[in-house]
Every structure is written in structure tokens, then in C-alpha cells.
Amino acid sequence: MTSQLEQIAEYYDQTQRLYKAFWHRDKSYAIHYGYWDIKTKNHQEALLNQNRFMADALKIHPGAKILDAGCGIGGSALWLAKNFDVHVIGITLSRGQLEEARKLANNHKLQERVEFGAQDYLHTNFAKNSFDIVWGLESVCHAKRKKEFLTEAYRVLKPGGKIVVADGFLKRDVKDSEEEIYKDFIDGFVLPNIAKVDDFKKWMKEADFKNVKFWDNTEEAKPSSRIMYRRTLLFYPLAKAFHRFGLISDVVLKNSHAGIAQYKLVKKGAAGYGVFYGEK
């Protein structure tokens, strides 16, 4: 049986071209929702705004060493290296993402300040007290037990180090009438579950993080959620036809289900988006 980690890697390997075509379009290299404020003009700006929001929360100091835990193809790591005097190490489970991230670092001439490797963020080979910042942008959702991620993040952070996690969260328990939508969401994005806001806050404190803060950015992420929903609706009839003839995999078809389901959960008030911050 395929392990959970292998399923996650397979998901990103198989959807990498879709994210490029329908989401980041080789501009932001982002695989996340984004942050829309009153000044945001378009989707690509919103994707970069999410990096900016997280960086502002961290108050990054020059020379900081950052772990991008679940780095995708390196969008945030490259952005951080370009905009701050920092060194970033990005880790991913996907060999396809790893290859693309390294290529982008070379293309942008940032290989001296950014490096990428294949690791599980729950069990890294980094020494304790190695990093000033742990950055988790829509990656922690893949952990079955989120507290394990927070415990490992605390271990590798230096005293006084900071963590920031941006992700989708449940705002309440899922109702019986929403169970099918919820299942489409987590199955299509290869998520074992979605954490509730209050639970994640409790786990951060149990992991010994101090000065824990949470920003509810559901409204700022909702335009991107709507964009995903509309683009998926347009693609879905083709996806079903392609799947019938064996041209796309079960993984890609389920991903289409998730693109529709995520917006339904947000509209119903069951799911939202937020950013957590804490200090060691």
C-alpha cells in the first residue's frame, strides 16, 4: 500500500503542470491562496502578498536562517531571498518540485542564498537550534498530526526563533450534510484532515510556543478560493472526459473535486483561512 508521504509526493508530481497552467503561471511560482487587500490588482499580486503578510508578521532580521517546510517549487524561498538578506533552506517530498525549485534558484542566480532538499518536515535531519524562522505556507495541512510538525519546528528553532503557519482551517465542526463536500476536499488535496483553529492554537501552546497569535484572513483569501472554484468548474467536464479515456489520473480528477469543494466549505462558513505565529 502506498504510504501517506508517497501519496503526497505523487499528488504534487502529477499536479505540477496544472498549478503552472492554472495558478502561478511561472510568475509567482506560488502554490497557495494569496492575500487580497484593497490595493491588490490581480491574482499574481495576491499570491505575492501572502509572502509579504507572513514576512511582516515575522519582522525578519538580516542574516536570518529560514526553513521553508514544504517549499513547493520554491516560490516563497526565492521571494524571501530576493527581498531580505537571509538564507533559506526549502524541503519537499516531491522529486518533481525539488528539481524545479533547484532549476529556478539557478535561473534567478540565488543558489548561494537558497538551497532545496527532499525531507519529511516531521522528521528532519537538522540539528536542534538550527533556524531563526520556520515557515509553513499551506504545507502543514498535509500532516496527519499537526502537533508533530510543531514539535519538530520547535526543536530546530533557535531560542527566540519564530514560526509562521498559513493554511486553511475549520472554523467549526463539519455538519452531517457537509461530510461529502469535506471528503472531496481532503481526498482531492491529499489531506488526512483539516485542523480546527482552536485545536491548532492549543497544539502550538502545548509545543511550548509563546506569544501565539492568529489572524483570520478568510475574507482576504476568498477571492482566490472563488477563482479556483470557477476555473475548476470550467475544467471539470474536460477532466471527466480525459479521465474516461485514461488521459488523466485519478489524482487529477479528485483534485478537480477538491477545487469545487473548497469554495463550498468556505461559503458555508465551515472552513476559513488564517495565519498562526509563535516564538520559542
Protein backbone atom coordinates (compact mmCIF):
# COMPACT_ATOMS: atom_id res chain seq x y z
CA MET A 1 0.00 0.00 0.00
CA THR A 2 1.25 3.48 -0.87
CA SER A 3 2.28 5.43 2.23
CA GLN A 4 0.86 8.84 3.06
CA LEU A 5 4.17 10.52 2.22
CA GLU A 6 4.29 8.78 -1.16
CA GLN A 7 0.72 9.88 -1.87
CA ILE A 8 1.60 13.50 -1.12
CA ALA A 9 4.66 13.35 -3.36
CA GLU A 10 2.64 11.71 -6.14
CA TYR A 11 -0.06 14.37 -5.85
CA TYR A 12 2.39 17.23 -6.37
CA ASP A 13 4.28 15.39 -9.09
CA GLN A 14 1.04 14.85 -11.03
CA THR A 15 -0.46 18.29 -10.49
CA GLN A 16 2.68 20.37 -11.02
CA ARG A 17 1.76 21.24 -14.61
CA LEU A 18 -1.81 22.13 -13.58
CA TYR A 19 -0.60 24.58 -10.94
CA LYS A 20 1.70 26.15 -13.51
CA ALA A 21 -1.04 26.47 -16.15
CA PHE A 22 -3.95 27.49 -13.93
CA TRP A 23 -2.36 29.14 -10.89
CA HIS A 24 1.12 30.66 -10.69
CA ARG A 25 1.79 30.76 -14.46
CA ASP A 26 5.54 30.95 -13.97
CA LYS A 27 5.24 34.37 -12.33
CA SER A 28 4.97 33.97 -8.56
CA TYR A 29 5.74 30.20 -8.51
CA ALA A 30 3.15 30.09 -5.72
CA ILE A 31 1.00 27.12 -4.79
CA HIS A 32 -1.17 28.87 -2.21
CA TYR A 33 -4.31 31.02 -1.97
CA GLY A 34 -2.92 34.50 -1.62
CA TYR A 35 -3.93 37.66 0.22
CA TRP A 36 -6.24 40.25 -1.35
CA ASP A 37 -6.26 43.74 0.14
CA ILE A 38 -7.79 46.93 -1.26
CA LYS A 39 -4.65 47.64 -3.31
CA THR A 40 -4.45 44.21 -4.95
CA LYS A 41 -4.92 44.41 -8.72
CA ASN A 42 -4.75 40.77 -9.77
CA HIS A 43 -4.28 37.19 -8.69
CA GLN A 44 -0.49 37.13 -9.06
CA GLU A 45 -0.20 40.18 -6.81
CA ALA A 46 -2.37 38.42 -4.23
CA LEU A 47 -0.09 35.38 -4.27
CA LEU A 48 2.96 37.54 -3.56
CA ASN A 49 1.02 39.49 -0.93
CA GLN A 50 0.73 36.30 1.12
CA ASN A 51 4.52 36.12 1.37
CA ARG A 52 4.59 39.77 2.37
CA PHE A 53 1.95 39.31 5.09
CA MET A 54 3.87 36.44 6.65
CA ALA A 55 7.19 38.29 6.42
CA ASP A 56 5.67 41.36 8.08
CA ALA A 57 4.40 39.19 10.95
CA LEU A 58 7.91 37.78 11.44
CA LYS A 59 9.82 41.08 11.30
CA ILE A 60 12.72 39.28 9.59
CA HIS A 61 16.20 40.39 10.62
CA PRO A 62 19.24 40.42 8.30
CA GLY A 63 21.19 37.18 8.26
CA ALA A 64 18.25 35.05 9.37
CA LYS A 65 18.31 31.35 8.52
CA ILE A 66 14.87 30.18 7.41
CA LEU A 67 13.41 26.69 6.99
CA ASP A 68 10.67 26.63 4.35
CA ALA A 69 8.88 23.46 5.46
CA GLY A 70 7.01 22.20 2.43
CA CYS A 71 8.54 24.59 -0.07
CA GLY A 72 6.73 23.62 -3.28
CA ILE A 73 8.74 24.71 -6.30
CA GLY A 74 10.45 27.37 -4.21
CA GLY A 75 8.20 30.40 -4.71
CA SER A 76 8.40 31.71 -1.15
CA ALA A 77 12.06 30.78 -0.69
CA LEU A 78 13.05 32.69 -3.82
CA TRP A 79 10.92 35.68 -2.78
CA LEU A 80 12.47 35.75 0.69
CA ALA A 81 16.00 35.55 -0.71
CA LYS A 82 15.29 38.37 -3.17
CA ASN A 83 13.72 40.70 -0.64
CA PHE A 84 15.71 40.04 2.54
CA ASP A 85 19.31 39.38 3.49
CA VAL A 86 18.56 35.78 4.52
CA HIS A 87 19.48 32.19 3.76
CA VAL A 88 16.59 29.80 3.04
CA ILE A 89 16.51 26.02 3.07
CA GLY A 90 13.41 24.56 1.45
CA ILE A 91 12.31 20.95 1.87
CA THR A 92 9.71 18.97 -0.05
CA LEU A 93 8.63 15.36 -0.55
CA SER A 94 8.15 15.77 -4.31
CA ARG A 95 11.07 14.98 -6.59
CA GLY A 96 9.40 16.98 -9.35
CA GLN A 97 9.13 20.04 -7.11
CA LEU A 98 12.70 19.60 -5.92
CA GLU A 99 14.04 19.52 -9.48
CA GLU A 100 12.01 22.59 -10.48
CA ALA A 101 12.97 24.54 -7.33
CA ARG A 102 16.67 23.96 -7.92
CA LYS A 103 16.32 24.98 -11.55
CA LEU A 104 14.53 28.19 -10.59
CA ALA A 105 17.18 29.02 -7.99
CA ASN A 106 19.84 28.72 -10.69
CA ASN A 107 17.79 30.71 -13.20
CA HIS A 108 17.37 33.55 -10.69
CA LYS A 109 21.02 33.29 -9.62
CA LEU A 110 20.02 32.68 -6.00
CA GLN A 111 21.75 29.34 -5.48
CA GLU A 112 24.13 30.95 -2.96
CA ARG A 113 21.24 32.00 -0.72
CA VAL A 114 18.67 29.28 -1.33
CA GLU A 115 19.03 25.52 -1.18
CA PHE A 116 16.50 22.71 -1.52
CA GLY A 117 16.31 19.12 -0.38
CA ALA A 118 13.96 16.15 -0.09
CA GLN A 119 12.85 15.65 3.53
CA ASP A 120 9.82 14.97 5.69
CA TYR A 121 9.22 18.05 7.83
CA LEU A 122 8.03 15.84 10.71
CA HIS A 123 11.42 14.13 10.96
CA THR A 124 14.20 16.34 9.60
CA ASN A 125 17.93 15.72 9.83
CA PHE A 126 18.63 19.26 11.02
CA ALA A 127 20.29 19.78 14.38
CA LYS A 128 18.32 21.42 17.15
CA ASN A 129 18.59 25.21 17.38
CA SER A 130 19.44 25.47 13.65
CA PHE A 131 16.98 28.08 12.36
CA ASP A 132 15.78 31.57 13.19
CA ILE A 133 12.46 31.03 11.40
CA VAL A 134 10.26 28.11 10.38
CA TRP A 135 7.92 29.00 7.51
CA GLY A 136 4.92 26.77 6.73
CA LEU A 137 2.79 28.03 3.86
CA GLU A 138 -0.11 25.68 3.11
CA SER A 139 2.02 22.65 3.80
CA VAL A 140 1.24 21.78 7.41
CA CYS A 141 -2.26 20.70 6.32
CA HIS A 142 -0.66 17.50 4.94
CA ALA A 143 0.47 16.37 8.41
CA LYS A 144 -1.91 13.86 9.99
CA ARG A 145 -0.89 15.01 13.47
CA LYS A 146 -0.14 18.70 13.21
CA LYS A 147 1.35 18.83 16.70
CA GLU A 148 4.21 16.60 15.47
CA PHE A 149 5.13 19.30 12.97
CA LEU A 150 5.02 21.96 15.67
CA THR A 151 7.21 19.85 17.98
CA GLU A 152 9.82 19.36 15.24
CA ALA A 153 9.67 23.06 14.33
CA TYR A 154 10.29 23.96 17.97
CA ARG A 155 13.25 21.57 18.10
CA VAL A 156 15.04 23.04 15.07
CA LEU A 157 14.37 26.67 16.04
CA LYS A 158 16.96 28.65 17.96
CA PRO A 159 15.92 30.18 21.30
CA GLY A 160 13.93 33.28 20.39
CA GLY A 161 13.19 31.82 16.95
CA LYS A 162 9.84 32.33 15.26
CA ILE A 163 7.31 30.21 13.42
CA VAL A 164 4.63 31.27 10.95
CA VAL A 165 1.99 28.93 9.52
CA ALA A 166 -0.57 30.00 6.92
CA ASP A 167 -3.24 27.47 5.97
CA GLY A 168 -6.85 26.51 5.68
CA PHE A 169 -8.61 25.70 8.95
CA LEU A 170 -12.01 24.54 10.10
CA LYS A 171 -13.96 27.22 11.89
CA ARG A 172 -16.39 24.70 13.39
CA ASP A 173 -17.28 21.02 13.27
CA VAL A 174 -18.39 19.76 9.88
CA LYS A 175 -22.13 19.06 9.76
CA ASP A 176 -23.52 15.73 8.54
CA SER A 177 -24.83 17.48 5.42
CA GLU A 178 -21.30 18.73 4.64
CA GLU A 179 -19.43 15.44 5.12
CA GLU A 180 -19.36 14.56 1.41
CA ILE A 181 -18.04 18.02 0.49
CA TYR A 182 -15.43 17.77 3.24
CA LYS A 183 -14.34 14.34 1.98
CA ASP A 184 -14.00 15.64 -1.59
CA PHE A 185 -11.84 18.46 -0.23
CA ILE A 186 -9.41 16.41 1.83
CA ASP A 187 -9.22 13.48 -0.61
CA GLY A 188 -8.61 15.71 -3.62
CA PHE A 189 -5.81 17.65 -1.93
CA VAL A 190 -4.42 14.51 -0.21
CA LEU A 191 -5.06 15.85 3.28
CA PRO A 192 -5.59 13.49 6.22
CA ASN A 193 -7.76 16.12 7.93
CA ILE A 194 -8.16 19.87 8.41
CA ALA A 195 -7.34 21.30 11.82
CA LYS A 196 -9.75 23.47 13.73
CA VAL A 197 -8.43 26.91 14.67
CA ASP A 198 -8.83 26.34 18.41
CA ASP A 199 -7.09 22.95 18.24
CA PHE A 200 -4.10 24.34 16.35
CA LYS A 201 -3.76 27.18 18.84
CA LYS A 202 -3.81 24.63 21.69
CA TRP A 203 -1.15 22.46 19.97
CA MET A 204 1.12 25.47 19.50
CA LYS A 205 0.98 26.21 23.20
CA GLU A 206 1.47 22.54 24.09
CA ALA A 207 4.59 22.57 21.87
CA ASP A 208 5.81 25.42 24.14
CA PHE A 209 5.47 28.28 21.67
CA LYS A 210 4.97 31.65 23.32
CA ASN A 211 3.26 34.85 22.22
CA VAL A 212 0.96 32.84 19.94
CA LYS A 213 -1.07 34.99 17.55
CA PHE A 214 -3.71 34.19 14.95
CA TRP A 215 -5.03 36.28 12.06
CA ASP A 216 -8.28 35.23 10.42
CA ASN A 217 -7.65 36.04 6.75
CA THR A 218 -10.65 34.23 5.30
CA GLU A 219 -12.00 37.33 3.57
CA GLU A 220 -8.57 38.15 2.15
CA ALA A 221 -8.24 34.60 0.73
CA LYS A 222 -11.82 34.25 -0.50
CA PRO A 223 -11.26 35.83 -3.96
CA SER A 224 -8.60 33.19 -4.68
CA SER A 225 -10.93 30.48 -3.40
CA ARG A 226 -13.56 31.76 -5.84
CA ILE A 227 -11.04 31.84 -8.71
CA MET A 228 -10.09 28.22 -8.02
CA TYR A 229 -13.76 27.24 -7.93
CA ARG A 230 -14.59 28.92 -11.24
CA ARG A 231 -11.53 27.61 -13.07
CA THR A 232 -12.17 24.12 -11.79
CA LEU A 233 -15.80 24.24 -12.89
CA LEU A 234 -14.67 25.13 -16.40
CA PHE A 235 -12.05 22.38 -16.45
CA TYR A 236 -14.16 19.66 -14.79
CA PRO A 237 -16.16 18.48 -17.86
CA LEU A 238 -12.88 18.06 -19.76
CA ALA A 239 -11.31 16.34 -16.77
CA LYS A 240 -14.10 13.77 -16.66
CA ALA A 241 -13.79 13.09 -20.39
CA PHE A 242 -9.99 12.85 -20.25
CA HIS A 243 -10.24 10.53 -17.24
CA ARG A 244 -12.68 8.26 -19.06
CA PHE A 245 -10.18 7.76 -21.85
CA GLY A 246 -7.25 7.33 -19.47
CA LEU A 247 -5.64 10.65 -20.36
CA ILE A 248 -5.54 11.94 -16.78
CA SER A 249 -5.16 10.07 -13.50
CA ASP A 250 -7.50 9.56 -10.56
CA VAL A 251 -5.31 12.04 -8.66
CA VAL A 252 -6.02 14.86 -11.12
CA LEU A 253 -9.75 14.10 -11.27
CA LYS A 254 -10.01 14.11 -7.47
CA ASN A 255 -8.12 17.38 -7.45
CA SER A 256 -10.93 18.85 -9.56
CA HIS A 257 -13.46 17.69 -6.97
CA ALA A 258 -11.43 19.43 -4.28
CA GLY A 259 -11.27 22.69 -6.22
CA ILE A 260 -15.05 22.81 -6.20
CA ALA A 261 -15.50 21.57 -2.64
CA GLN A 262 -13.11 24.05 -1.02
CA TYR A 263 -15.19 27.06 -2.01
CA LYS A 264 -18.42 25.39 -0.88
CA LEU A 265 -16.96 24.84 2.58
CA VAL A 266 -15.85 28.47 2.78
CA LYS A 267 -19.26 29.75 1.67
CA LYS A 268 -20.99 27.58 4.28
CA GLY A 269 -18.75 29.02 6.98
CA ALA A 270 -17.22 25.65 7.86
CA ALA A 271 -13.74 26.41 6.57
CA GLY A 272 -11.59 29.53 6.51
CA TYR A 273 -8.04 30.74 6.16
CA GLY A 274 -5.64 32.02 8.74
CA VAL A 275 -2.08 32.65 9.84
CA PHE A 276 -0.51 31.50 13.12
CA TYR A 277 2.62 32.99 14.68
CA GLY A 278 4.65 31.90 17.67
CA GLU A 279 8.05 32.27 19.35
CA LYS A 280 10.42 29.82 21.01
